[in-house]
Amino acid sequence: MGVDPRQCGKCLRVCDPAVFLMHQPLKMEQDLYDPQVWKITAVWLSLCTRCMKCVDVCPEKAITISW
């Protein structure tokens, strides 16, 4: 599974098993309200059911699933 972490976060809302994690780098001098600071990472890949909802909802085609 590949994810471009600079995209919108719609995958977080449609992923039932919660494969994705939104997090920020540990640089405290950054503005926490700046969307460029936050990253989305597919962390719990073993929970992925390959339903493809995240791929379908992504407007930027930032997610790929291959098995």
PDB file of N, CA and C in Angstrom:
ATOM      1  N   MET A   1       0.854  -1.168   0.000  1.00  0.00           N
ATOM      2  CA  MET A   1       0.000   0.000   0.000  1.00  0.00           C
ATOM      3  C   MET A   1       0.897   1.226   0.000  1.00  0.00           C
ATOM      4  N   GLY A   2       0.689   2.134  -0.915  1.00  0.00           N
ATOM      5  CA  GLY A   2       1.446   3.371  -0.950  1.00  0.00           C
ATOM      6  C   GLY A   2       0.531   4.554  -0.700  1.00  0.00           C
ATOM      7  N   VAL A   3       0.966   5.513   0.076  1.00  0.00           N
ATOM      8  CA  VAL A   3       0.162   6.684   0.412  1.00  0.00           C
ATOM      9  C   VAL A   3       1.003   7.935   0.255  1.00  0.00           C
ATOM     10  N   ASP A   4       0.468   8.923  -0.432  1.00  0.00           N
ATOM     11  CA  ASP A   4       1.112  10.228  -0.489  1.00  0.00           C
ATOM     12  C   ASP A   4       0.600  11.015   0.712  1.00  0.00           C
ATOM     13  N   PRO A   5       1.434  11.257   1.729  1.00  0.00           N
ATOM     14  CA  PRO A   5       0.980  11.841   2.986  1.00  0.00           C
ATOM     15  C   PRO A   5       0.605  13.303   2.905  1.00  0.00           C
ATOM     16  N   ARG A   6       0.788  13.948   1.773  1.00  0.00           N
ATOM     17  CA  ARG A   6       0.483  15.371   1.663  1.00  0.00           C
ATOM     18  C   ARG A   6      -0.943  15.628   1.211  1.00  0.00           C
ATOM     19  N   GLN A   7      -1.764  14.628   1.142  1.00  0.00           N
ATOM     20  CA  GLN A   7      -3.111  14.790   0.610  1.00  0.00           C
ATOM     21  C   GLN A   7      -4.134  15.023   1.717  1.00  0.00           C
ATOM     22  N   CYS A   8      -5.420  14.968   1.409  1.00  0.00           N
ATOM     23  CA  CYS A   8      -6.490  15.575   2.198  1.00  0.00           C
ATOM     24  C   CYS A   8      -6.950  14.857   3.454  1.00  0.00           C
ATOM     25  N   GLY A   9      -6.935  13.559   3.541  1.00  0.00           N
ATOM     26  CA  GLY A   9      -7.386  12.853   4.733  1.00  0.00           C
ATOM     27  C   GLY A   9      -8.749  12.207   4.617  1.00  0.00           C
ATOM     28  N   LYS A  10      -9.348  12.179   3.442  1.00  0.00           N
ATOM     29  CA  LYS A  10     -10.644  11.526   3.282  1.00  0.00           C
ATOM     30  C   LYS A  10     -10.556  10.038   3.611  1.00  0.00           C
ATOM     31  N   CYS A  11      -9.400   9.456   3.399  1.00  0.00           N
ATOM     32  CA  CYS A  11      -9.203   8.031   3.694  1.00  0.00           C
ATOM     33  C   CYS A  11      -9.437   7.738   5.173  1.00  0.00           C
ATOM     34  N   LEU A  12      -9.124   8.692   6.028  1.00  0.00           N
ATOM     35  CA  LEU A  12      -9.327   8.505   7.465  1.00  0.00           C
ATOM     36  C   LEU A  12     -10.801   8.324   7.796  1.00  0.00           C
ATOM     37  N   ARG A  13     -11.656   8.999   7.059  1.00  0.00           N
ATOM     38  CA  ARG A  13     -13.088   8.959   7.346  1.00  0.00           C
ATOM     39  C   ARG A  13     -13.777   7.711   6.800  1.00  0.00           C
ATOM     40  N   VAL A  14     -13.241   7.097   5.763  1.00  0.00           N
ATOM     41  CA  VAL A  14     -13.926   5.949   5.161  1.00  0.00           C
ATOM     42  C   VAL A  14     -13.336   4.602   5.561  1.00  0.00           C
ATOM     43  N   CYS A  15     -12.186   4.598   6.192  1.00  0.00           N
ATOM     44  CA  CYS A  15     -11.528   3.336   6.537  1.00  0.00           C
ATOM     45  C   CYS A  15     -12.112   2.772   7.826  1.00  0.00           C
ATOM     46  N   ASP A  16     -12.954   1.739   7.699  1.00  0.00           N
ATOM     47  CA  ASP A  16     -13.597   1.142   8.873  1.00  0.00           C
ATOM     48  C   ASP A  16     -12.614   0.507   9.853  1.00  0.00           C
ATOM     49  N   PRO A  17     -11.614  -0.249   9.397  1.00  0.00           N
ATOM     50  CA  PRO A  17     -10.684  -0.840  10.356  1.00  0.00           C
ATOM     51  C   PRO A  17      -9.596   0.110  10.856  1.00  0.00           C
ATOM     52  N   ALA A  18      -9.607   1.359  10.417  1.00  0.00           N
ATOM     53  CA  ALA A  18      -8.648   2.380  10.884  1.00  0.00           C
ATOM     54  C   ALA A  18      -7.197   1.986  10.611  1.00  0.00           C
ATOM     55  N   VAL A  19      -6.902   1.769   9.359  1.00  0.00           N
ATOM     56  CA  VAL A  19      -5.550   1.426   8.924  1.00  0.00           C
ATOM     57  C   VAL A  19      -4.627   2.638   8.990  1.00  0.00           C
ATOM     58  N   PHE A  20      -5.199   3.819   8.774  1.00  0.00           N
ATOM     59  CA  PHE A  20      -4.404   5.041   8.652  1.00  0.00           C
ATOM     60  C   PHE A  20      -4.258   5.780   9.977  1.00  0.00           C
ATOM     61  N   LEU A  21      -3.166   6.504  10.093  1.00  0.00           N
ATOM     62  CA  LEU A  21      -2.895   7.331  11.267  1.00  0.00           C
ATOM     63  C   LEU A  21      -2.510   8.723  10.793  1.00  0.00           C
ATOM     64  N   MET A  22      -3.136   9.744  11.382  1.00  0.00           N
ATOM     65  CA  MET A  22      -2.732  11.118  11.108  1.00  0.00           C
ATOM     66  C   MET A  22      -1.828  11.556  12.246  1.00  0.00           C
ATOM     67  N   HIS A  23      -0.659  12.073  11.907  1.00  0.00           N
ATOM     68  CA  HIS A  23       0.305  12.464  12.925  1.00  0.00           C
ATOM     69  C   HIS A  23       1.086  13.670  12.436  1.00  0.00           C
ATOM     70  N   GLN A  24       1.882  14.222  13.305  1.00  0.00           N
ATOM     71  CA  GLN A  24       2.714  15.373  12.953  1.00  0.00           C
ATOM     72  C   GLN A  24       4.152  15.109  13.349  1.00  0.00           C
ATOM     73  N   PRO A  25       5.080  15.704  12.637  1.00  0.00           N
ATOM     74  CA  PRO A  25       6.482  15.616  13.051  1.00  0.00           C
ATOM     75  C   PRO A  25       6.659  16.277  14.418  1.00  0.00           C
ATOM     76  N   LEU A  26       7.711  15.944  15.091  1.00  0.00           N
ATOM     77  CA  LEU A  26       7.916  16.429  16.457  1.00  0.00           C
ATOM     78  C   LEU A  26       8.574  17.802  16.523  1.00  0.00           C
ATOM     79  N   LYS A  27       8.367  18.630  15.546  1.00  0.00           N
ATOM     80  CA  LYS A  27       8.922  19.981  15.553  1.00  0.00           C
ATOM     81  C   LYS A  27       7.873  20.926  16.122  1.00  0.00           C
ATOM     82  N   MET A  28       8.038  21.319  17.342  1.00  0.00           N
ATOM     83  CA  MET A  28       7.033  22.111  18.037  1.00  0.00           C
ATOM     84  C   MET A  28       6.936  23.549  17.536  1.00  0.00           C
ATOM     85  N   GLU A  29       7.923  24.041  16.804  1.00  0.00           N
ATOM     86  CA  GLU A  29       7.864  25.419  16.335  1.00  0.00           C
ATOM     87  C   GLU A  29       6.909  25.589  15.153  1.00  0.00           C
ATOM     88  N   GLN A  30       6.378  24.494  14.624  1.00  0.00           N
ATOM     89  CA  GLN A  30       5.474  24.573  13.487  1.00  0.00           C
ATOM     90  C   GLN A  30       4.054  24.916  13.936  1.00  0.00           C
ATOM     91  N   ASP A  31       3.311  25.551  13.061  1.00  0.00           N
ATOM     92  CA  ASP A  31       1.914  25.893  13.311  1.00  0.00           C
ATOM     93  C   ASP A  31       1.072  24.622  13.205  1.00  0.00           C
ATOM     94  N   LEU A  32       0.447  24.202  14.292  1.00  0.00           N
ATOM     95  CA  LEU A  32      -0.319  22.962  14.313  1.00  0.00           C
ATOM     96  C   LEU A  32      -1.577  23.032  13.461  1.00  0.00           C
ATOM     97  N   TYR A  33      -1.995  24.229  13.084  1.00  0.00           N
ATOM     98  CA  TYR A  33      -3.182  24.381  12.248  1.00  0.00           C
ATOM     99  C   TYR A  33      -2.850  24.409  10.755  1.00  0.00           C
ATOM    100  N   ASP A  34      -1.588  24.344  10.430  1.00  0.00           N
ATOM    101  CA  ASP A  34      -1.151  24.303   9.037  1.00  0.00           C
ATOM    102  C   ASP A  34      -1.313  22.872   8.520  1.00  0.00           C
ATOM    103  N   PRO A  35      -2.147  22.652   7.498  1.00  0.00           N
ATOM    104  CA  PRO A  35      -2.358  21.287   7.009  1.00  0.00           C
ATOM    105  C   PRO A  35      -1.105  20.631   6.446  1.00  0.00           C
ATOM    106  N   GLN A  36      -0.110  21.415   6.077  1.00  0.00           N
ATOM    107  CA  GLN A  36       1.134  20.844   5.563  1.00  0.00           C
ATOM    108  C   GLN A  36       1.969  20.189   6.655  1.00  0.00           C
ATOM    109  N   VAL A  37       1.663  20.478   7.922  1.00  0.00           N
ATOM    110  CA  VAL A  37       2.409  19.909   9.046  1.00  0.00           C
ATOM    111  C   VAL A  37       1.980  18.467   9.296  1.00  0.00           C
ATOM    112  N   TRP A  38       0.723  18.161   9.071  1.00  0.00           N
ATOM    113  CA  TRP A  38       0.176  16.843   9.372  1.00  0.00           C
ATOM    114  C   TRP A  38       0.491  15.846   8.267  1.00  0.00           C
ATOM    115  N   LYS A  39       0.707  14.604   8.665  1.00  0.00           N
ATOM    116  CA  LYS A  39       1.030  13.520   7.735  1.00  0.00           C
ATOM    117  C   LYS A  39       0.034  12.383   7.934  1.00  0.00           C
ATOM    118  N   ILE A  40      -0.264  11.658   6.873  1.00  0.00           N
ATOM    119  CA  ILE A  40      -1.118  10.475   6.945  1.00  0.00           C
ATOM    120  C   ILE A  40      -0.272   9.281   6.541  1.00  0.00           C
ATOM    121  N   THR A  41      -0.289   8.267   7.392  1.00  0.00           N
ATOM    122  CA  THR A  41       0.524   7.083   7.153  1.00  0.00           C
ATOM    123  C   THR A  41      -0.342   5.839   7.322  1.00  0.00           C
ATOM    124  N   ALA A  42      -0.195   4.889   6.425  1.00  0.00           N
ATOM    125  CA  ALA A  42      -0.849   3.592   6.589  1.00  0.00           C
ATOM    126  C   ALA A  42       0.007   2.785   7.558  1.00  0.00           C
ATOM    127  N   VAL A  43      -0.478   2.641   8.786  1.00  0.00           N
ATOM    128  CA  VAL A  43       0.314   2.027   9.848  1.00  0.00           C
ATOM    129  C   VAL A  43      -0.076   0.570  10.075  1.00  0.00           C
ATOM    130  N   TRP A  44      -1.357   0.309  10.177  1.00  0.00           N
ATOM    131  CA  TRP A  44      -1.826  -1.025  10.534  1.00  0.00           C
ATOM    132  C   TRP A  44      -2.283  -1.768   9.280  1.00  0.00           C
ATOM    133  N   LEU A  45      -1.320  -2.106   8.425  1.00  0.00           N
ATOM    134  CA  LEU A  45      -1.630  -2.731   7.139  1.00  0.00           C
ATOM    135  C   LEU A  45      -2.305  -4.085   7.287  1.00  0.00           C
ATOM    136  N   SER A  46      -2.043  -4.785   8.371  1.00  0.00           N
ATOM    137  CA  SER A  46      -2.653  -6.101   8.562  1.00  0.00           C
ATOM    138  C   SER A  46      -4.162  -5.997   8.777  1.00  0.00           C
ATOM    139  N   LEU A  47      -4.664  -4.813   9.134  1.00  0.00           N
ATOM    140  CA  LEU A  47      -6.102  -4.615   9.316  1.00  0.00           C
ATOM    141  C   LEU A  47      -6.825  -4.320   8.006  1.00  0.00           C
ATOM    142  N   CYS A  48      -6.080  -4.037   6.960  1.00  0.00           N
ATOM    143  CA  CYS A  48      -6.678  -3.663   5.680  1.00  0.00           C
ATOM    144  C   CYS A  48      -7.483  -4.837   5.111  1.00  0.00           C
ATOM    145  N   THR A  49      -8.749  -4.568   4.778  1.00  0.00           N
ATOM    146  CA  THR A  49      -9.620  -5.590   4.195  1.00  0.00           C
ATOM    147  C   THR A  49      -9.635  -5.527   2.670  1.00  0.00           C
ATOM    148  N   ARG A  50      -8.905  -4.577   2.113  1.00  0.00           N
ATOM    149  CA  ARG A  50      -8.837  -4.354   0.669  1.00  0.00           C
ATOM    150  C   ARG A  50     -10.214  -4.064   0.071  1.00  0.00           C
ATOM    151  N   CYS A  51     -11.001  -3.299   0.815  1.00  0.00           N
ATOM    152  CA  CYS A  51     -12.330  -2.902   0.344  1.00  0.00           C
ATOM    153  C   CYS A  51     -12.241  -1.825  -0.729  1.00  0.00           C
ATOM    154  N   MET A  52     -11.100  -1.142  -0.800  1.00  0.00           N
ATOM    155  CA  MET A  52     -10.815  -0.112  -1.798  1.00  0.00           C
ATOM    156  C   MET A  52     -11.571   1.197  -1.573  1.00  0.00           C
ATOM    157  N   LYS A  53     -12.230   1.363  -0.426  1.00  0.00           N
ATOM    158  CA  LYS A  53     -12.935   2.620  -0.147  1.00  0.00           C
ATOM    159  C   LYS A  53     -11.975   3.798  -0.131  1.00  0.00           C
ATOM    160  N   CYS A  54     -10.805   3.608   0.447  1.00  0.00           N
ATOM    161  CA  CYS A  54      -9.827   4.697   0.519  1.00  0.00           C
ATOM    162  C   CYS A  54      -9.348   5.099  -0.871  1.00  0.00           C
ATOM    163  N   VAL A  55      -9.163   4.124  -1.733  1.00  0.00           N
ATOM    164  CA  VAL A  55      -8.726   4.395  -3.104  1.00  0.00           C
ATOM    165  C   VAL A  55      -9.833   5.131  -3.862  1.00  0.00           C
ATOM    166  N   ASP A  56     -11.072   4.679  -3.685  1.00  0.00           N
ATOM    167  CA  ASP A  56     -12.202   5.281  -4.395  1.00  0.00           C
ATOM    168  C   ASP A  56     -12.457   6.725  -3.979  1.00  0.00           C
ATOM    169  N   VAL A  57     -12.287   7.041  -2.700  1.00  0.00           N
ATOM    170  CA  VAL A  57     -12.617   8.373  -2.189  1.00  0.00           C
ATOM    171  C   VAL A  57     -11.498   9.384  -2.403  1.00  0.00           C
ATOM    172  N   CYS A  58     -10.315   8.936  -2.682  1.00  0.00           N
ATOM    173  CA  CYS A  58      -9.165   9.834  -2.787  1.00  0.00           C
ATOM    174  C   CYS A  58      -9.217  10.641  -4.091  1.00  0.00           C
ATOM    175  N   PRO A  59      -9.392  11.973  -3.994  1.00  0.00           N
ATOM    176  CA  PRO A  59      -9.488  12.786  -5.204  1.00  0.00           C
ATOM    177  C   PRO A  59      -8.153  12.958  -5.925  1.00  0.00           C
ATOM    178  N   GLU A  60      -7.063  12.697  -5.239  1.00  0.00           N
ATOM    179  CA  GLU A  60      -5.734  12.886  -5.818  1.00  0.00           C
ATOM    180  C   GLU A  60      -5.081  11.587  -6.268  1.00  0.00           C
ATOM    181  N   LYS A  61      -5.792  10.468  -6.091  1.00  0.00           N
ATOM    182  CA  LYS A  61      -5.226   9.152  -6.438  1.00  0.00           C
ATOM    183  C   LYS A  61      -3.893   8.935  -5.722  1.00  0.00           C
ATOM    184  N   ALA A  62      -3.857   9.319  -4.452  1.00  0.00           N
ATOM    185  CA  ALA A  62      -2.633   9.249  -3.658  1.00  0.00           C
ATOM    186  C   ALA A  62      -2.436   7.886  -3.003  1.00  0.00           C
ATOM    187  N   ILE A  63      -3.438   7.000  -3.093  1.00  0.00           N
ATOM    188  CA  ILE A  63      -3.362   5.695  -2.432  1.00  0.00           C
ATOM    189  C   ILE A  63      -3.385   4.600  -3.486  1.00  0.00           C
ATOM    190  N   THR A  64      -2.478   3.659  -3.339  1.00  0.00           N
ATOM    191  CA  THR A  64      -2.467   2.485  -4.204  1.00  0.00           C
ATOM    192  C   THR A  64      -2.416   1.244  -3.328  1.00  0.00           C
ATOM    193  N   ILE A  65      -3.120   0.223  -3.749  1.00  0.00           N
ATOM    194  CA  ILE A  65      -3.094  -1.054  -3.037  1.00  0.00           C
ATOM    195  C   ILE A  65      -2.704  -2.124  -4.042  1.00  0.00           C
ATOM    196  N   SER A  66      -1.692  -2.873  -3.698  1.00  0.00           N
ATOM    197  CA  SER A  66      -1.286  -3.995  -4.543  1.00  0.00           C
ATOM    198  C   SER A  66      -1.082  -5.203  -3.644  1.00  0.00           C
ATOM    199  N   TRP A  67      -1.492  -6.344  -4.127  1.00  0.00           N
ATOM    200  CA  TRP A  67      -1.317  -7.552  -3.351  1.00  0.00           C
ATOM    201  C   TRP A  67      -0.811  -8.652  -4.174  1.00  0.00           C
TER     202      TRP A  67
END
